[in-house]
């Protein structure tokens, strides 16, 4: 079954949002172990710096694997 481009984007976006929430929670727990003290605003900003890259990466990889799958079925 072929995944549409829109569903690829929905999947990638969902993955990024879930990853973002987990990253923020992880930063809040782990940063103090290393003596890094930041506020919630800084945690959110650090996480946002990677959201765009993660979204593009997830979408691009999904499309790459879909193209490889389609090429293999010819």
PDB file of N, CA and C in Angstrom:
ATOM      1  N   UNK A   1       0.851  -1.178   0.000  1.00  0.00           N
ATOM      2  CA  UNK A   1       0.000   0.000   0.000  1.00  0.00           C
ATOM      3  C   UNK A   1       0.897   1.242   0.000  1.00  0.00           C
ATOM      4  N   UNK A   2       0.579   2.200  -0.855  1.00  0.00           N
ATOM      5  CA  UNK A   2       1.377   3.409  -0.997  1.00  0.00           C
ATOM      6  C   UNK A   2       0.889   4.473  -0.024  1.00  0.00           C
ATOM      7  N   UNK A   3       1.840   5.142   0.638  1.00  0.00           N
ATOM      8  CA  UNK A   3       1.497   6.235   1.546  1.00  0.00           C
ATOM      9  C   UNK A   3       1.519   7.544   0.761  1.00  0.00           C
ATOM     10  N   UNK A   4       0.471   8.355   0.919  1.00  0.00           N
ATOM     11  CA  UNK A   4       0.411   9.628   0.206  1.00  0.00           C
ATOM     12  C   UNK A   4       1.412  10.616   0.795  1.00  0.00           C
ATOM     13  N   UNK A   5       1.710  11.643   0.022  1.00  0.00           N
ATOM     14  CA  UNK A   5       2.624  12.676   0.495  1.00  0.00           C
ATOM     15  C   UNK A   5       2.050  13.384   1.721  1.00  0.00           C
ATOM     16  N   UNK A   6       0.762  13.623   1.726  1.00  0.00           N
ATOM     17  CA  UNK A   6       0.132  14.296   2.875  1.00  0.00           C
ATOM     18  C   UNK A   6       0.249  13.437   4.128  1.00  0.00           C
ATOM     19  N   UNK A   7      -0.015  12.134   3.987  1.00  0.00           N
ATOM     20  CA  UNK A   7       0.095  11.257   5.154  1.00  0.00           C
ATOM     21  C   UNK A   7       1.558  11.131   5.595  1.00  0.00           C
ATOM     22  N   UNK A   8       2.499  11.210   4.671  1.00  0.00           N
ATOM     23  CA  UNK A   8       3.913  11.232   5.043  1.00  0.00           C
ATOM     24  C   UNK A   8       4.200  12.456   5.907  1.00  0.00           C
ATOM     25  N   UNK A   9       3.653  13.602   5.518  1.00  0.00           N
ATOM     26  CA  UNK A   9       3.852  14.836   6.281  1.00  0.00           C
ATOM     27  C   UNK A   9       3.172  14.743   7.650  1.00  0.00           C
ATOM     28  N   UNK A  10       1.967  14.181   7.693  1.00  0.00           N
ATOM     29  CA  UNK A  10       1.263  14.021   8.972  1.00  0.00           C
ATOM     30  C   UNK A  10       2.072  13.114   9.899  1.00  0.00           C
ATOM     31  N   UNK A  11       2.566  12.017   9.368  1.00  0.00           N
ATOM     32  CA  UNK A  11       3.369  11.092  10.176  1.00  0.00           C
ATOM     33  C   UNK A  11       4.638  11.771  10.686  1.00  0.00           C
ATOM     34  N   UNK A  12       5.340  12.483   9.796  1.00  0.00           N
ATOM     35  CA  UNK A  12       6.575  13.158  10.191  1.00  0.00           C
ATOM     36  C   UNK A  12       6.298  14.232  11.240  1.00  0.00           C
ATOM     37  N   UNK A  13       5.228  14.992  11.053  1.00  0.00           N
ATOM     38  CA  UNK A  13       4.887  16.046  12.012  1.00  0.00           C
ATOM     39  C   UNK A  13       4.535  15.455  13.374  1.00  0.00           C
ATOM     40  N   UNK A  14       3.769  14.372  13.375  1.00  0.00           N
ATOM     41  CA  UNK A  14       3.412  13.709  14.637  1.00  0.00           C
ATOM     42  C   UNK A  14       4.667  13.212  15.337  1.00  0.00           C
ATOM     43  N   UNK A  15       5.567  12.624  14.580  1.00  0.00           N
ATOM     44  CA  UNK A  15       6.825  12.138  15.138  1.00  0.00           C
ATOM     45  C   UNK A  15       7.619  13.274  15.764  1.00  0.00           C
ATOM     46  N   UNK A  16       7.673  14.415  15.084  1.00  0.00           N
ATOM     47  CA  UNK A  16       8.419  15.565  15.585  1.00  0.00           C
ATOM     48  C   UNK A  16       7.775  16.123  16.854  1.00  0.00           C
ATOM     49  N   UNK A  17       6.455  16.225  16.880  1.00  0.00           N
ATOM     50  CA  UNK A  17       5.771  16.766  18.065  1.00  0.00           C
ATOM     51  C   UNK A  17       6.000  15.867  19.277  1.00  0.00           C
ATOM     52  N   UNK A  18       5.837  14.566  19.092  1.00  0.00           N
ATOM     53  CA  UNK A  18       6.064  13.632  20.192  1.00  0.00           C
ATOM     54  C   UNK A  18       7.531  13.702  20.637  1.00  0.00           C
ATOM     55  N   UNK A  19       8.444  13.734  19.682  1.00  0.00           N
ATOM     56  CA  UNK A  19       9.862  13.849  20.007  1.00  0.00           C
ATOM     57  C   UNK A  19      10.182  15.140  20.734  1.00  0.00           C
ATOM     58  N   UNK A  20       9.546  16.237  20.339  1.00  0.00           N
ATOM     59  CA  UNK A  20       9.757  17.538  20.974  1.00  0.00           C
ATOM     60  C   UNK A  20       9.332  17.501  22.443  1.00  0.00           C
ATOM     61  N   UNK A  21       8.161  16.957  22.703  1.00  0.00           N
ATOM     62  CA  UNK A  21       7.667  16.861  24.085  1.00  0.00           C
ATOM     63  C   UNK A  21       8.606  15.988  24.923  1.00  0.00           C
ATOM     64  N   UNK A  22       9.022  14.850  24.369  1.00  0.00           N
ATOM     65  CA  UNK A  22       9.950  13.977  25.096  1.00  0.00           C
ATOM     66  C   UNK A  22      11.303  14.657  25.320  1.00  0.00           C
ATOM     67  N   UNK A  23      11.769  15.409  24.330  1.00  0.00           N
ATOM     68  CA  UNK A  23      13.054  16.106  24.471  1.00  0.00           C
ATOM     69  C   UNK A  23      12.993  17.137  25.588  1.00  0.00           C
ATOM     70  N   UNK A  24      11.910  17.896  25.647  1.00  0.00           N
ATOM     71  CA  UNK A  24      11.764  18.911  26.695  1.00  0.00           C
ATOM     72  C   UNK A  24      11.755  18.239  28.067  1.00  0.00           C
ATOM     73  N   UNK A  25      10.980  17.163  28.193  1.00  0.00           N
ATOM     74  CA  UNK A  25      10.917  16.447  29.468  1.00  0.00           C
ATOM     75  C   UNK A  25      12.293  15.892  29.842  1.00  0.00           C
ATOM     76  N   UNK A  26      13.006  15.352  28.863  1.00  0.00           N
ATOM     77  CA  UNK A  26      14.339  14.811  29.118  1.00  0.00           C
ATOM     78  C   UNK A  26      15.311  15.910  29.538  1.00  0.00           C
ATOM     79  N   UNK A  27      15.273  17.046  28.845  1.00  0.00           N
ATOM     80  CA  UNK A  27      16.143  18.167  29.210  1.00  0.00           C
ATOM     81  C   UNK A  27      15.881  18.611  30.638  1.00  0.00           C
ATOM     82  N   UNK A  28      14.620  18.708  31.029  1.00  0.00           N
ATOM     83  CA  UNK A  28      14.269  19.165  32.373  1.00  0.00           C
ATOM     84  C   UNK A  28      14.842  18.219  33.427  1.00  0.00           C
ATOM     85  N   UNK A  29      14.857  16.934  33.127  1.00  0.00           N
ATOM     86  CA  UNK A  29      15.382  15.946  34.074  1.00  0.00           C
ATOM     87  C   UNK A  29      16.909  15.863  34.018  1.00  0.00           C
ATOM     88  N   UNK A  30      17.485  15.826  32.825  1.00  0.00           N
ATOM     89  CA  UNK A  30      18.906  15.519  32.667  1.00  0.00           C
ATOM     90  C   UNK A  30      19.814  16.735  32.848  1.00  0.00           C
ATOM     91  N   UNK A  31      19.412  17.908  32.374  1.00  0.00           N
ATOM     92  CA  UNK A  31      20.286  19.075  32.457  1.00  0.00           C
ATOM     93  C   UNK A  31      20.813  19.310  33.870  1.00  0.00           C
ATOM     94  N   UNK A  32      19.973  19.263  34.902  1.00  0.00           N
ATOM     95  CA  UNK A  32      20.485  19.496  36.256  1.00  0.00           C
ATOM     96  C   UNK A  32      21.559  18.483  36.683  1.00  0.00           C
ATOM     97  N   UNK A  33      21.522  17.270  36.157  1.00  0.00           N
ATOM     98  CA  UNK A  33      22.552  16.272  36.486  1.00  0.00           C
ATOM     99  C   UNK A  33      23.934  16.752  36.068  1.00  0.00           C
ATOM    100  N   UNK A  34      23.979  17.604  35.028  1.00  0.00           N
ATOM    101  CA  UNK A  34      25.240  18.113  34.502  1.00  0.00           C
ATOM    102  C   UNK A  34      25.498  19.564  34.908  1.00  0.00           C
ATOM    103  N   UNK A  35      24.716  20.039  35.863  1.00  0.00           N
ATOM    104  CA  UNK A  35      24.896  21.400  36.350  1.00  0.00           C
ATOM    105  C   UNK A  35      24.401  22.471  35.401  1.00  0.00           C
ATOM    106  N   UNK A  36      23.555  22.103  34.467  1.00  0.00           N
ATOM    107  CA  UNK A  36      23.005  23.065  33.513  1.00  0.00           C
ATOM    108  C   UNK A  36      21.643  23.514  34.037  1.00  0.00           C
ATOM    109  N   UNK A  37      21.575  24.765  34.406  1.00  0.00           N
ATOM    110  CA  UNK A  37      20.330  25.312  34.942  1.00  0.00           C
ATOM    111  C   UNK A  37      19.699  26.242  33.914  1.00  0.00           C
ATOM    112  N   UNK A  38      18.522  25.886  33.429  1.00  0.00           N
ATOM    113  CA  UNK A  38      17.797  26.730  32.486  1.00  0.00           C
ATOM    114  C   UNK A  38      16.332  26.746  32.869  1.00  0.00           C
ATOM    115  N   UNK A  39      15.645  27.756  32.400  1.00  0.00           N
ATOM    116  CA  UNK A  39      14.217  27.859  32.641  1.00  0.00           C
ATOM    117  C   UNK A  39      13.431  27.171  31.532  1.00  0.00           C
ATOM    118  N   UNK A  40      12.133  27.113  31.728  1.00  0.00           N
ATOM    119  CA  UNK A  40      11.272  26.457  30.748  1.00  0.00           C
ATOM    120  C   UNK A  40      11.381  27.131  29.382  1.00  0.00           C
ATOM    121  N   UNK A  41      11.468  28.450  29.364  1.00  0.00           N
ATOM    122  CA  UNK A  41      11.568  29.172  28.078  1.00  0.00           C
ATOM    123  C   UNK A  41      12.815  28.734  27.304  1.00  0.00           C
ATOM    124  N   UNK A  42      13.922  28.556  28.000  1.00  0.00           N
ATOM    125  CA  UNK A  42      15.148  28.117  27.338  1.00  0.00           C
ATOM    126  C   UNK A  42      15.010  26.693  26.833  1.00  0.00           C
ATOM    127  N   UNK A  43      14.386  25.823  27.633  1.00  0.00           N
ATOM    128  CA  UNK A  43      14.158  24.445  27.189  1.00  0.00           C
ATOM    129  C   UNK A  43      13.315  24.424  25.912  1.00  0.00           C
ATOM    130  N   UNK A  44      12.266  25.233  25.888  1.00  0.00           N
ATOM    131  CA  UNK A  44      11.391  25.277  24.714  1.00  0.00           C
ATOM    132  C   UNK A  44      12.134  25.812  23.498  1.00  0.00           C
ATOM    133  N   UNK A  45      12.968  26.824  23.710  1.00  0.00           N
ATOM    134  CA  UNK A  45      13.729  27.411  22.607  1.00  0.00           C
ATOM    135  C   UNK A  45      14.757  26.432  22.054  1.00  0.00           C
ATOM    136  N   UNK A  46      15.457  25.750  22.940  1.00  0.00           N
ATOM    137  CA  UNK A  46      16.434  24.745  22.503  1.00  0.00           C
ATOM    138  C   UNK A  46      15.731  23.677  21.672  1.00  0.00           C
ATOM    139  N   UNK A  47      14.594  23.215  22.150  1.00  0.00           N
ATOM    140  CA  UNK A  47      13.836  22.202  21.420  1.00  0.00           C
ATOM    141  C   UNK A  47      13.361  22.699  20.067  1.00  0.00           C
ATOM    142  N   UNK A  48      12.892  23.935  20.011  1.00  0.00           N
ATOM    143  CA  UNK A  48      12.403  24.496  18.744  1.00  0.00           C
ATOM    144  C   UNK A  48      13.503  24.622  17.700  1.00  0.00           C
ATOM    145  N   UNK A  49      14.738  24.807  18.167  1.00  0.00           N
ATOM    146  CA  UNK A  49      15.859  24.943  17.223  1.00  0.00           C
ATOM    147  C   UNK A  49      16.005  23.696  16.358  1.00  0.00           C
ATOM    148  N   UNK A  50      15.554  22.549  16.874  1.00  0.00           N
ATOM    149  CA  UNK A  50      15.704  21.291  16.154  1.00  0.00           C
ATOM    150  C   UNK A  50      14.425  20.794  15.484  1.00  0.00           C
ATOM    151  N   UNK A  51      13.314  21.437  15.735  1.00  0.00           N
ATOM    152  CA  UNK A  51      12.044  20.962  15.193  1.00  0.00           C
ATOM    153  C   UNK A  51      12.024  20.994  13.665  1.00  0.00           C
ATOM    154  N   UNK A  52      12.428  22.098  13.081  1.00  0.00           N
ATOM    155  CA  UNK A  52      12.415  22.200  11.614  1.00  0.00           C
ATOM    156  C   UNK A  52      13.288  21.153  10.962  1.00  0.00           C
ATOM    157  N   UNK A  53      14.480  20.963  11.502  1.00  0.00           N
ATOM    158  CA  UNK A  53      15.397  19.967  10.947  1.00  0.00           C
ATOM    159  C   UNK A  53      14.794  18.568  11.078  1.00  0.00           C
ATOM    160  N   UNK A  54      14.209  18.282  12.227  1.00  0.00           N
ATOM    161  CA  UNK A  54      13.613  16.957  12.438  1.00  0.00           C
ATOM    162  C   UNK A  54      12.446  16.712  11.494  1.00  0.00           C
ATOM    163  N   UNK A  55      11.639  17.725  11.269  1.00  0.00           N
ATOM    164  CA  UNK A  55      10.493  17.584  10.387  1.00  0.00           C
ATOM    165  C   UNK A  55      10.943  17.300   8.952  1.00  0.00           C
ATOM    166  N   UNK A  56      11.897  18.074   8.473  1.00  0.00           N
ATOM    167  CA  UNK A  56      12.416  17.871   7.113  1.00  0.00           C
ATOM    168  C   UNK A  56      13.068  16.494   6.997  1.00  0.00           C
ATOM    169  N   UNK A  57      13.871  16.125   7.990  1.00  0.00           N
ATOM    170  CA  UNK A  57      14.543  14.825   7.966  1.00  0.00           C
ATOM    171  C   UNK A  57      13.536  13.676   7.908  1.00  0.00           C
ATOM    172  N   UNK A  58      12.522  13.727   8.765  1.00  0.00           N
ATOM    173  CA  UNK A  58      11.528  12.654   8.792  1.00  0.00           C
ATOM    174  C   UNK A  58      10.759  12.540   7.488  1.00  0.00           C
ATOM    175  N   UNK A  59      10.366  13.681   6.942  1.00  0.00           N
ATOM    176  CA  UNK A  59       9.627  13.684   5.676  1.00  0.00           C
ATOM    177  C   UNK A  59      10.507  13.163   4.534  1.00  0.00           C
ATOM    178  N   UNK A  60      11.748  13.672   4.471  1.00  0.00           N
ATOM    179  CA  UNK A  60      12.646  13.273   3.387  1.00  0.00           C
ATOM    180  C   UNK A  60      12.955  11.775   3.435  1.00  0.00           C
ATOM    181  N   UNK A  61      13.204  11.255   4.618  1.00  0.00           N
ATOM    182  CA  UNK A  61      13.487   9.824   4.728  1.00  0.00           C
ATOM    183  C   UNK A  61      12.278   8.978   4.356  1.00  0.00           C
ATOM    184  N   UNK A  62      11.097   9.413   4.753  1.00  0.00           N
ATOM    185  CA  UNK A  62       9.880   8.673   4.411  1.00  0.00           C
ATOM    186  C   UNK A  62       9.716   8.639   2.899  1.00  0.00           C
ATOM    187  N   UNK A  63       9.910   9.784   2.245  1.00  0.00           N
ATOM    188  CA  UNK A  63       9.758   9.838   0.789  1.00  0.00           C
ATOM    189  C   UNK A  63      10.840   9.008   0.099  1.00  0.00           C
ATOM    190  N   UNK A  64      12.068   9.043   0.622  1.00  0.00           N
ATOM    191  CA  UNK A  64      13.151   8.240   0.059  1.00  0.00           C
ATOM    192  C   UNK A  64      12.802   6.752   0.121  1.00  0.00           C
ATOM    193  N   UNK A  65      12.364   6.295   1.264  1.00  0.00           N
ATOM    194  CA  UNK A  65      12.037   4.883   1.402  1.00  0.00           C
ATOM    195  C   UNK A  65      10.815   4.502   0.567  1.00  0.00           C
ATOM    196  N   UNK A  66       9.879   5.424   0.429  1.00  0.00           N
ATOM    197  CA  UNK A  66       8.726   5.148  -0.435  1.00  0.00           C
ATOM    198  C   UNK A  66       9.173   5.035  -1.888  1.00  0.00           C
ATOM    199  N   UNK A  67      10.091   5.916  -2.320  1.00  0.00           N
ATOM    200  CA  UNK A  67      10.614   5.842  -3.692  1.00  0.00           C
ATOM    201  C   UNK A  67      11.378   4.536  -3.903  1.00  0.00           C
ATOM    202  N   UNK A  68      12.174   4.136  -2.937  1.00  0.00           N
ATOM    203  CA  UNK A  68      12.906   2.870  -3.045  1.00  0.00           C
ATOM    204  C   UNK A  68      11.951   1.688  -3.115  1.00  0.00           C
ATOM    205  N   UNK A  69      10.895   1.754  -2.321  1.00  0.00           N
ATOM    206  CA  UNK A  69       9.906   0.681  -2.330  1.00  0.00           C
ATOM    207  C   UNK A  69       9.220   0.589  -3.695  1.00  0.00           C
ATOM    208  N   UNK A  70       8.861   1.749  -4.238  1.00  0.00           N
ATOM    209  CA  UNK A  70       8.181   1.771  -5.543  1.00  0.00           C
ATOM    210  C   UNK A  70       9.114   1.285  -6.654  1.00  0.00           C
ATOM    211  N   UNK A  71      10.386   1.638  -6.566  1.00  0.00           N
ATOM    212  CA  UNK A  71      11.347   1.194  -7.576  1.00  0.00           C
ATOM    213  C   UNK A  71      11.522  -0.331  -7.506  1.00  0.00           C
ATOM    214  N   UNK A  72      11.482  -0.875  -6.318  1.00  0.00           N
ATOM    215  CA  UNK A  72      11.644  -2.315  -6.141  1.00  0.00           C
ATOM    216  C   UNK A  72      10.461  -3.132  -6.598  1.00  0.00           C
ATOM    217  N   UNK A  73       9.296  -2.504  -6.771  1.00  0.00           N
ATOM    218  CA  UNK A  73       8.092  -3.241  -7.187  1.00  0.00           C
ATOM    219  C   UNK A  73       7.918  -3.228  -8.692  1.00  0.00           C
ATOM    220  N   UNK A  74       8.782  -2.539  -9.430  1.00  0.00           N
ATOM    221  CA  UNK A  74       8.657  -2.465 -10.899  1.00  0.00           C
ATOM    222  C   UNK A  74       9.187  -3.703 -11.551  1.00  0.00           C
TER     223      UNK A  74
END
